[in-house]
Amino acid sequence: MRLPEAWIISVGNELLNGRIVNTNLSWLAKRLTIDGYLVRGAITVRDECEDIAWAFNTALKMGASLIISTGGLGPTFDDKTSECLSKALGKRHVLNEEALEMVRAKYKEKDLPMTDHRIKMAKMPEGAKPLRNDVGTAPGIMVEENKTLIIVLPGVPAEMKSIFELIEPLLRERAPPLHFVSKDLLVRGIPESSAAPLIERVMKRLHVYIKSHPSGHEVRRPILRINVVSSSLDRDEALKNVDDAIEMLKDLISKEGGEIEGVEDAW
């Protein structure tokens, strides 16, 4: 079965001068792979309109089914991704009323006025759909060009992940009918900050995505629900990936003094 191909575009001078490590790229590549996409390529460009437009056009010319970009959606002068995408698509760069309401609501919470820099975040290619940003202020952007779905996300990792998870069901609908297996590992006695490097080790070894959900108190009474997900055209393979990851996590967490309370089916 031929998988739909995805391209990831990362925008930001800080990514190319070595100041920031591009963790968004690795996170998205892993997540898209699990969701049923073949990540064909990734492009990182500076905050230059010519370069940004070139990156989108290159991915389009390569026949991408999905293009996801991160970075360049904020209020400052060098946040140019939306404007440059409009140029790449040959579309007018317009004020989106739905996006404007999203941005206005964010600043109204703090009794801050709308300024030109804040209004800027509500401009996007004509016909685009704004994506709700529950963590930050700049909405994401979704637009379709012929048969290519283009998703534009903020560069701040927490904002990028929040918006991506909102649209992930749509992305899965456009991918082959994979088998998804999801289980939760219940843990006490180990802070999320201590579990984080253990989770990273497991994710590097196995074809799984893992997310921890803390409750209780990080230091005095830590409780974690660790969700492990895998997908495959073969359900047995997906199940094995999840079970292997859970066993590896159990071993690592126990060695750190954590108490394993059990495993539950998720979804």
C-alpha atoms as a PDB file:
ATOM      1  CA  MET A   1       0.000   0.000   0.000  1.00  0.00           C
ATOM      2  CA  ARG A   2       1.352   3.409  -0.988  1.00  0.00           C
ATOM      3  CA  LEU A   3       1.415   5.839   1.918  1.00  0.00           C
ATOM      4  CA  PRO A   4       0.549   9.527   1.458  1.00  0.00           C
ATOM      5  CA  GLU A   5       3.694  11.650   1.476  1.00  0.00           C
ATOM      6  CA  ALA A   6       4.284  14.487   3.910  1.00  0.00           C
ATOM      7  CA  TRP A   7       6.800  17.320   3.919  1.00  0.00           C
ATOM      8  CA  ILE A   8       7.771  19.353   6.978  1.00  0.00           C
ATOM      9  CA  ILE A   9       8.905  22.966   6.642  1.00  0.00           C
ATOM     10  CA  SER A  10      10.661  24.662   9.560  1.00  0.00           C
ATOM     11  CA  VAL A  11      10.944  28.453   9.495  1.00  0.00           C
ATOM     12  CA  GLY A  12      13.309  30.488  11.647  1.00  0.00           C
ATOM     13  CA  ASN A  13      16.756  32.071  11.630  1.00  0.00           C
ATOM     14  CA  GLU A  14      17.354  30.613  15.092  1.00  0.00           C
ATOM     15  CA  LEU A  15      17.175  27.084  13.657  1.00  0.00           C
ATOM     16  CA  LEU A  16      19.927  27.806  11.142  1.00  0.00           C
ATOM     17  CA  ASN A  17      22.328  29.732  13.353  1.00  0.00           C
ATOM     18  CA  GLY A  18      22.440  26.947  15.921  1.00  0.00           C
ATOM     19  CA  ARG A  19      20.694  28.830  18.711  1.00  0.00           C
ATOM     20  CA  ILE A  20      17.665  26.506  18.827  1.00  0.00           C
ATOM     21  CA  VAL A  21      17.525  22.739  18.330  1.00  0.00           C
ATOM     22  CA  ASN A  22      14.683  21.805  15.968  1.00  0.00           C
ATOM     23  CA  THR A  23      12.709  19.506  18.260  1.00  0.00           C
ATOM     24  CA  ASN A  24       9.494  20.299  16.347  1.00  0.00           C
ATOM     25  CA  LEU A  25      10.828  18.437  13.319  1.00  0.00           C
ATOM     26  CA  SER A  26      11.566  15.201  15.151  1.00  0.00           C
ATOM     27  CA  TRP A  27       8.247  15.344  17.049  1.00  0.00           C
ATOM     28  CA  LEU A  28       6.198  15.902  13.894  1.00  0.00           C
ATOM     29  CA  ALA A  29       8.096  13.294  11.887  1.00  0.00           C
ATOM     30  CA  LYS A  30       7.430  10.666  14.554  1.00  0.00           C
ATOM     31  CA  ARG A  31       3.779  11.604  14.928  1.00  0.00           C
ATOM     32  CA  LEU A  32       3.104  11.687  11.184  1.00  0.00           C
ATOM     33  CA  THR A  33       4.776   8.312  10.714  1.00  0.00           C
ATOM     34  CA  ILE A  34       2.539   6.789  13.377  1.00  0.00           C
ATOM     35  CA  ASP A  35      -0.484   8.461  11.736  1.00  0.00           C
ATOM     36  CA  GLY A  36       0.227   6.707   8.438  1.00  0.00           C
ATOM     37  CA  TYR A  37       2.335   9.153   6.421  1.00  0.00           C
ATOM     38  CA  LEU A  38       5.659   8.700   4.699  1.00  0.00           C
ATOM     39  CA  VAL A  39       7.702  11.780   5.596  1.00  0.00           C
ATOM     40  CA  ARG A  40       9.425  12.315   2.257  1.00  0.00           C
ATOM     41  CA  GLY A  41      11.468  15.382   3.177  1.00  0.00           C
ATOM     42  CA  ALA A  42      12.063  18.309   5.484  1.00  0.00           C
ATOM     43  CA  ILE A  43      13.199  21.820   4.656  1.00  0.00           C
ATOM     44  CA  THR A  44      14.509  24.448   7.070  1.00  0.00           C
ATOM     45  CA  VAL A  45      14.621  28.057   5.898  1.00  0.00           C
ATOM     46  CA  ARG A  46      15.351  31.501   7.267  1.00  0.00           C
ATOM     47  CA  ASP A  47      12.752  34.196   7.909  1.00  0.00           C
ATOM     48  CA  GLU A  48      13.009  35.380   4.321  1.00  0.00           C
ATOM     49  CA  CYS A  49       9.890  35.496   2.168  1.00  0.00           C
ATOM     50  CA  GLU A  50      11.632  34.240  -0.965  1.00  0.00           C
ATOM     51  CA  ASP A  51      12.984  31.233   0.915  1.00  0.00           C
ATOM     52  CA  ILE A  52       9.680  30.442   2.628  1.00  0.00           C
ATOM     53  CA  ALA A  53       7.716  30.596  -0.627  1.00  0.00           C
ATOM     54  CA  TRP A  54      10.364  28.430  -2.301  1.00  0.00           C
ATOM     55  CA  ALA A  55      10.012  25.786   0.430  1.00  0.00           C
ATOM     56  CA  PHE A  56       6.235  25.542   0.000  1.00  0.00           C
ATOM     57  CA  ASN A  57       6.504  25.475  -3.795  1.00  0.00           C
ATOM     58  CA  THR A  58       9.186  22.787  -3.651  1.00  0.00           C
ATOM     59  CA  ALA A  59       7.023  20.515  -1.499  1.00  0.00           C
ATOM     60  CA  LEU A  60       4.035  21.142  -3.781  1.00  0.00           C
ATOM     61  CA  LYS A  61       6.078  20.300  -6.880  1.00  0.00           C
ATOM     62  CA  MET A  62       7.177  17.053  -5.221  1.00  0.00           C
ATOM     63  CA  GLY A  63       3.549  15.974  -5.047  1.00  0.00           C
ATOM     64  CA  ALA A  64       3.116  16.160  -1.275  1.00  0.00           C
ATOM     65  CA  SER A  65      -0.228  15.013   0.095  1.00  0.00           C
ATOM     66  CA  LEU A  66       0.440  16.976   3.260  1.00  0.00           C
ATOM     67  CA  ILE A  67       2.693  19.929   4.075  1.00  0.00           C
ATOM     68  CA  ILE A  68       3.147  21.039   7.674  1.00  0.00           C
ATOM     69  CA  SER A  69       5.163  24.118   8.547  1.00  0.00           C
ATOM     70  CA  THR A  70       6.192  25.491  11.932  1.00  0.00           C
ATOM     71  CA  GLY A  71       7.278  28.987  12.872  1.00  0.00           C
ATOM     72  CA  GLY A  72       6.671  32.524  11.694  1.00  0.00           C
ATOM     73  CA  LEU A  73       3.068  33.125  12.808  1.00  0.00           C
ATOM     74  CA  GLY A  74       3.672  35.697  15.538  1.00  0.00           C
ATOM     75  CA  PRO A  75       3.206  39.479  15.693  1.00  0.00           C
ATOM     76  CA  THR A  76       6.756  40.631  14.961  1.00  0.00           C
ATOM     77  CA  PHE A  77       8.199  41.939  11.702  1.00  0.00           C
ATOM     78  CA  ASP A  78      10.085  38.715  10.973  1.00  0.00           C
ATOM     79  CA  ASP A  79       6.997  36.488  11.330  1.00  0.00           C
ATOM     80  CA  LYS A  80       6.300  36.089   7.609  1.00  0.00           C
ATOM     81  CA  THR A  81       5.106  32.536   7.008  1.00  0.00           C
ATOM     82  CA  SER A  82       1.440  33.339   6.394  1.00  0.00           C
ATOM     83  CA  GLU A  83       2.178  36.183   3.993  1.00  0.00           C
ATOM     84  CA  CYS A  84       4.790  34.157   2.114  1.00  0.00           C
ATOM     85  CA  LEU A  85       2.465  31.153   1.827  1.00  0.00           C
ATOM     86  CA  SER A  86      -0.100  33.441   0.210  1.00  0.00           C
ATOM     87  CA  LYS A  87       2.521  34.497  -2.323  1.00  0.00           C
ATOM     88  CA  ALA A  88       3.526  30.895  -2.984  1.00  0.00           C
ATOM     89  CA  LEU A  89      -0.094  29.942  -3.667  1.00  0.00           C
ATOM     90  CA  GLY A  90      -0.871  33.058  -5.691  1.00  0.00           C
ATOM     91  CA  LYS A  91      -3.670  33.949  -3.267  1.00  0.00           C
ATOM     92  CA  ARG A  92      -4.585  37.261  -1.687  1.00  0.00           C
ATOM     93  CA  HIS A  93      -3.326  37.748   1.877  1.00  0.00           C
ATOM     94  CA  VAL A  94      -6.467  38.821   3.707  1.00  0.00           C
ATOM     95  CA  LEU A  95      -7.832  39.450   7.164  1.00  0.00           C
ATOM     96  CA  ASN A  96      -9.753  36.342   8.231  1.00  0.00           C
ATOM     97  CA  GLU A  97     -12.712  37.362  10.400  1.00  0.00           C
ATOM     98  CA  GLU A  98     -12.881  34.051  12.269  1.00  0.00           C
ATOM     99  CA  ALA A  99      -9.172  34.267  13.062  1.00  0.00           C
ATOM    100  CA  LEU A 100      -9.590  37.906  14.138  1.00  0.00           C
ATOM    101  CA  GLU A 101     -12.225  36.878  16.683  1.00  0.00           C
ATOM    102  CA  MET A 102      -9.875  34.208  18.027  1.00  0.00           C
ATOM    103  CA  VAL A 103      -7.067  36.719  18.463  1.00  0.00           C
ATOM    104  CA  ARG A 104      -9.367  39.424  19.884  1.00  0.00           C
ATOM    105  CA  ALA A 105     -10.737  37.006  22.504  1.00  0.00           C
ATOM    106  CA  LYS A 106      -7.213  36.197  23.712  1.00  0.00           C
ATOM    107  CA  TYR A 107      -6.323  39.846  24.339  1.00  0.00           C
ATOM    108  CA  LYS A 108      -9.739  40.729  25.726  1.00  0.00           C
ATOM    109  CA  GLU A 109      -9.058  38.312  28.592  1.00  0.00           C
ATOM    110  CA  LYS A 110      -6.301  40.686  29.749  1.00  0.00           C
ATOM    111  CA  ASP A 111      -8.056  43.906  28.689  1.00  0.00           C
ATOM    112  CA  LEU A 112      -5.433  44.564  26.034  1.00  0.00           C
ATOM    113  CA  PRO A 113      -6.338  46.518  22.898  1.00  0.00           C
ATOM    114  CA  MET A 114      -6.063  45.215  19.357  1.00  0.00           C
ATOM    115  CA  THR A 115      -3.041  46.699  17.609  1.00  0.00           C
ATOM    116  CA  ASP A 116      -1.744  46.360  14.061  1.00  0.00           C
ATOM    117  CA  HIS A 117       0.792  43.779  15.254  1.00  0.00           C
ATOM    118  CA  ARG A 118      -1.948  41.711  16.893  1.00  0.00           C
ATOM    119  CA  ILE A 119      -4.312  42.023  13.936  1.00  0.00           C
ATOM    120  CA  LYS A 120      -1.455  40.782  11.743  1.00  0.00           C
ATOM    121  CA  MET A 121      -1.828  37.319  13.285  1.00  0.00           C
ATOM    122  CA  ALA A 122      -5.354  37.047  11.828  1.00  0.00           C
ATOM    123  CA  LYS A 123      -4.211  37.514   8.226  1.00  0.00           C
ATOM    124  CA  MET A 124      -3.864  34.451   6.034  1.00  0.00           C
ATOM    125  CA  PRO A 125      -4.349  33.185   2.459  1.00  0.00           C
ATOM    126  CA  GLU A 126      -7.809  33.870   1.090  1.00  0.00           C
ATOM    127  CA  GLY A 127     -10.056  30.848   1.668  1.00  0.00           C
ATOM    128  CA  ALA A 128      -7.922  29.431   4.491  1.00  0.00           C
ATOM    129  CA  LYS A 129      -9.390  28.091   7.731  1.00  0.00           C
ATOM    130  CA  PRO A 130      -7.958  29.278  11.069  1.00  0.00           C
ATOM    131  CA  LEU A 131      -7.024  26.645  13.630  1.00  0.00           C
ATOM    132  CA  ARG A 132      -7.730  27.337  17.302  1.00  0.00           C
ATOM    133  CA  ASN A 133      -4.646  27.923  19.450  1.00  0.00           C
ATOM    134  CA  ASP A 134      -5.533  27.013  23.043  1.00  0.00           C
ATOM    135  CA  VAL A 135      -2.016  27.690  24.343  1.00  0.00           C
ATOM    136  CA  GLY A 136      -0.900  30.862  22.547  1.00  0.00           C
ATOM    137  CA  THR A 137      -2.399  33.714  20.554  1.00  0.00           C
ATOM    138  CA  ALA A 138      -1.639  33.126  16.852  1.00  0.00           C
ATOM    139  CA  PRO A 139      -4.129  30.783  15.149  1.00  0.00           C
ATOM    140  CA  GLY A 140      -2.814  28.025  12.939  1.00  0.00           C
ATOM    141  CA  ILE A 141      -3.763  27.931   9.269  1.00  0.00           C
ATOM    142  CA  MET A 142      -5.267  25.182   7.123  1.00  0.00           C
ATOM    143  CA  VAL A 143      -5.614  25.554   3.367  1.00  0.00           C
ATOM    144  CA  GLU A 144      -5.943  23.085   0.513  1.00  0.00           C
ATOM    145  CA  GLU A 145      -4.121  23.551  -2.789  1.00  0.00           C
ATOM    146  CA  ASN A 146      -5.355  21.088  -5.406  1.00  0.00           C
ATOM    147  CA  LYS A 147      -4.945  17.755  -3.572  1.00  0.00           C
ATOM    148  CA  THR A 148      -2.382  18.989  -1.032  1.00  0.00           C
ATOM    149  CA  LEU A 149      -3.430  19.854   2.509  1.00  0.00           C
ATOM    150  CA  ILE A 150      -1.254  22.599   3.992  1.00  0.00           C
ATOM    151  CA  ILE A 151      -1.107  23.109   7.751  1.00  0.00           C
ATOM    152  CA  VAL A 152       0.780  26.095   9.193  1.00  0.00           C
ATOM    153  CA  LEU A 153       1.605  25.910  12.906  1.00  0.00           C
ATOM    154  CA  PRO A 154       3.382  28.176  15.406  1.00  0.00           C
ATOM    155  CA  GLY A 155       7.007  27.488  16.252  1.00  0.00           C
ATOM    156  CA  VAL A 156       6.539  27.390  20.032  1.00  0.00           C
ATOM    157  CA  PRO A 157       6.494  23.621  20.740  1.00  0.00           C
ATOM    158  CA  ALA A 158       3.586  23.680  23.200  1.00  0.00           C
ATOM    159  CA  GLU A 159       1.432  25.673  20.762  1.00  0.00           C
ATOM    160  CA  MET A 160       2.448  23.521  17.801  1.00  0.00           C
ATOM    161  CA  LYS A 161       1.585  20.312  19.620  1.00  0.00           C
ATOM    162  CA  SER A 162      -1.741  21.631  20.913  1.00  0.00           C
ATOM    163  CA  ILE A 163      -2.998  22.616  17.456  1.00  0.00           C
ATOM    164  CA  PHE A 164      -1.633  19.471  15.812  1.00  0.00           C
ATOM    165  CA  GLU A 165      -3.499  17.242  18.256  1.00  0.00           C
ATOM    166  CA  LEU A 166      -6.757  19.060  17.420  1.00  0.00           C
ATOM    167  CA  ILE A 167      -6.404  18.306  13.703  1.00  0.00           C
ATOM    168  CA  GLU A 168      -4.815  14.869  14.034  1.00  0.00           C
ATOM    169  CA  PRO A 169      -8.127  12.993  13.560  1.00  0.00           C
ATOM    170  CA  LEU A 170      -8.509  14.718  10.177  1.00  0.00           C
ATOM    171  CA  LEU A 171      -4.982  13.733   9.163  1.00  0.00           C
ATOM    172  CA  ARG A 172      -5.654  10.115  10.087  1.00  0.00           C
ATOM    173  CA  GLU A 173      -8.802  10.119   7.962  1.00  0.00           C
ATOM    174  CA  ARG A 174      -6.681  11.064   4.937  1.00  0.00           C
ATOM    175  CA  ALA A 175      -4.171   8.248   5.568  1.00  0.00           C
ATOM    176  CA  PRO A 176      -4.570   4.477   5.030  1.00  0.00           C
ATOM    177  CA  PRO A 177      -6.787   2.594   7.519  1.00  0.00           C
ATOM    178  CA  LEU A 178      -4.087   1.667  10.017  1.00  0.00           C
ATOM    179  CA  HIS A 179      -4.549  -0.347  13.188  1.00  0.00           C
ATOM    180  CA  PHE A 180      -3.971   1.834  16.273  1.00  0.00           C
ATOM    181  CA  VAL A 181      -3.151   0.339  19.645  1.00  0.00           C
ATOM    182  CA  SER A 182      -3.125   2.538  22.732  1.00  0.00           C
ATOM    183  CA  LYS A 183      -2.446   1.556  26.327  1.00  0.00           C
ATOM    184  CA  ASP A 184      -1.900   3.501  29.554  1.00  0.00           C
ATOM    185  CA  LEU A 185       0.782   2.630  32.092  1.00  0.00           C
ATOM    186  CA  LEU A 186      -0.161   3.797  35.603  1.00  0.00           C
ATOM    187  CA  VAL A 187       2.768   4.834  37.782  1.00  0.00           C
ATOM    188  CA  ARG A 188       3.295   6.307  41.253  1.00  0.00           C
ATOM    189  CA  GLY A 189       6.320   7.632  43.044  1.00  0.00           C
ATOM    190  CA  ILE A 190       8.332   9.088  40.170  1.00  0.00           C
ATOM    191  CA  PRO A 191       8.124  12.744  39.026  1.00  0.00           C
ATOM    192  CA  GLU A 192       7.310  13.455  35.384  1.00  0.00           C
ATOM    193  CA  SER A 193      10.682  15.189  35.062  1.00  0.00           C
ATOM    194  CA  SER A 194      12.410  11.929  36.057  1.00  0.00           C
ATOM    195  CA  ALA A 195      10.281   9.841  33.717  1.00  0.00           C
ATOM    196  CA  ALA A 196      10.867  12.152  30.733  1.00  0.00           C
ATOM    197  CA  PRO A 197      14.371  10.884  29.815  1.00  0.00           C
ATOM    198  CA  LEU A 198      13.203   7.286  30.220  1.00  0.00           C
ATOM    199  CA  ILE A 199      10.305   7.922  27.845  1.00  0.00           C
ATOM    200  CA  GLU A 200      12.689   9.468  25.320  1.00  0.00           C
ATOM    201  CA  ARG A 201      14.901   6.369  25.457  1.00  0.00           C
ATOM    202  CA  VAL A 202      11.975   4.096  24.686  1.00  0.00           C
ATOM    203  CA  MET A 203      10.701   6.296  21.846  1.00  0.00           C
ATOM    204  CA  LYS A 204      14.123   6.230  20.215  1.00  0.00           C
ATOM    205  CA  ARG A 205      14.196   2.427  20.352  1.00  0.00           C
ATOM    206  CA  LEU A 206      10.654   1.536  19.277  1.00  0.00           C
ATOM    207  CA  HIS A 207       7.982   2.620  16.790  1.00  0.00           C
ATOM    208  CA  VAL A 208       5.737   4.217  19.395  1.00  0.00           C
ATOM    209  CA  TYR A 209       4.585   7.625  20.556  1.00  0.00           C
ATOM    210  CA  ILE A 210       4.485   8.167  24.323  1.00  0.00           C
ATOM    211  CA  LYS A 211       2.897  11.000  26.283  1.00  0.00           C
ATOM    212  CA  SER A 212       2.842  11.390  30.055  1.00  0.00           C
ATOM    213  CA  HIS A 213      -0.097  12.895  31.952  1.00  0.00           C
ATOM    214  CA  PRO A 214       0.838  13.933  35.512  1.00  0.00           C
ATOM    215  CA  SER A 215      -1.466  14.387  38.476  1.00  0.00           C
ATOM    216  CA  GLY A 216      -0.873  14.634  42.181  1.00  0.00           C
ATOM    217  CA  HIS A 217       2.218  16.651  43.134  1.00  0.00           C
ATOM    218  CA  GLU A 218       5.387  16.571  41.028  1.00  0.00           C
ATOM    219  CA  VAL A 219       7.692  16.068  44.036  1.00  0.00           C
ATOM    220  CA  ARG A 220       5.700  15.087  47.123  1.00  0.00           C
ATOM    221  CA  ARG A 221       3.108  12.733  45.560  1.00  0.00           C
ATOM    222  CA  PRO A 222       3.766  12.142  41.872  1.00  0.00           C
ATOM    223  CA  ILE A 223       1.244  10.137  39.863  1.00  0.00           C
ATOM    224  CA  LEU A 224       1.638   9.499  36.139  1.00  0.00           C
ATOM    225  CA  ARG A 225      -0.584   8.049  33.446  1.00  0.00           C
ATOM    226  CA  ILE A 226       1.743   7.252  30.548  1.00  0.00           C
ATOM    227  CA  ASN A 227      -0.011   6.718  27.224  1.00  0.00           C
ATOM    228  CA  VAL A 228       1.763   4.521  24.662  1.00  0.00           C
ATOM    229  CA  VAL A 229       0.505   4.462  21.042  1.00  0.00           C
ATOM    230  CA  SER A 230       1.594   2.594  17.924  1.00  0.00           C
ATOM    231  CA  SER A 231       0.102   1.988  14.501  1.00  0.00           C
ATOM    232  CA  SER A 232       0.651  -0.481  11.699  1.00  0.00           C
ATOM    233  CA  LEU A 233      -1.103  -2.106   8.767  1.00  0.00           C
ATOM    234  CA  ASP A 234      -0.703  -5.248  10.901  1.00  0.00           C
ATOM    235  CA  ARG A 235      -2.539  -5.085  14.247  1.00  0.00           C
ATOM    236  CA  ASP A 236      -0.255  -7.706  15.833  1.00  0.00           C
ATOM    237  CA  GLU A 237       2.774  -5.578  14.994  1.00  0.00           C
ATOM    238  CA  ALA A 238       1.210  -2.471  16.544  1.00  0.00           C
ATOM    239  CA  LEU A 239       0.270  -4.449  19.648  1.00  0.00           C
ATOM    240  CA  LYS A 240       3.808  -5.837  19.975  1.00  0.00           C
ATOM    241  CA  ASN A 241       5.288  -2.349  19.665  1.00  0.00           C
ATOM    242  CA  VAL A 242       3.115  -1.074  22.502  1.00  0.00           C
ATOM    243  CA  ASP A 243       3.666  -4.107  24.741  1.00  0.00           C
ATOM    244  CA  ASP A 244       7.451  -4.007  24.202  1.00  0.00           C
ATOM    245  CA  ALA A 245       7.496  -0.295  25.036  1.00  0.00           C
ATOM    246  CA  ILE A 246       5.472  -0.827  28.209  1.00  0.00           C
ATOM    247  CA  GLU A 247       7.755  -3.617  29.386  1.00  0.00           C
ATOM    248  CA  MET A 248      10.800  -1.449  28.749  1.00  0.00           C
ATOM    249  CA  LEU A 249       9.185   1.456  30.606  1.00  0.00           C
ATOM    250  CA  LYS A 250       8.269  -0.769  33.548  1.00  0.00           C
ATOM    251  CA  ASP A 251      11.881  -1.879  33.889  1.00  0.00           C
ATOM    252  CA  LEU A 252      13.344   1.620  33.613  1.00  0.00           C
ATOM    253  CA  ILE A 253      10.787   3.212  35.944  1.00  0.00           C
ATOM    254  CA  SER A 254      11.143   0.492  38.580  1.00  0.00           C
ATOM    255  CA  LYS A 255      14.904   1.028  38.610  1.00  0.00           C
ATOM    256  CA  GLU A 256      14.235   4.720  39.306  1.00  0.00           C
ATOM    257  CA  GLY A 257      12.062   3.853  42.288  1.00  0.00           C
ATOM    258  CA  GLY A 258       8.683   4.191  40.621  1.00  0.00           C
ATOM    259  CA  GLU A 259       5.777   1.909  41.502  1.00  0.00           C
ATOM    260  CA  ILE A 260       3.877   0.274  38.633  1.00  0.00           C
ATOM    261  CA  GLU A 261       0.152   0.172  39.404  1.00  0.00           C
ATOM    262  CA  GLY A 262      -1.075  -1.450  36.216  1.00  0.00           C
ATOM    263  CA  VAL A 263      -1.805  -1.205  32.507  1.00  0.00           C
ATOM    264  CA  GLU A 264      -5.116  -0.213  30.912  1.00  0.00           C
ATOM    265  CA  ASP A 265      -6.407  -0.152  27.351  1.00  0.00           C
ATOM    266  CA  ALA A 266      -6.801   3.459  26.200  1.00  0.00           C
ATOM    267  CA  TRP A 267      -8.743   5.371  23.514  1.00  0.00           C
END
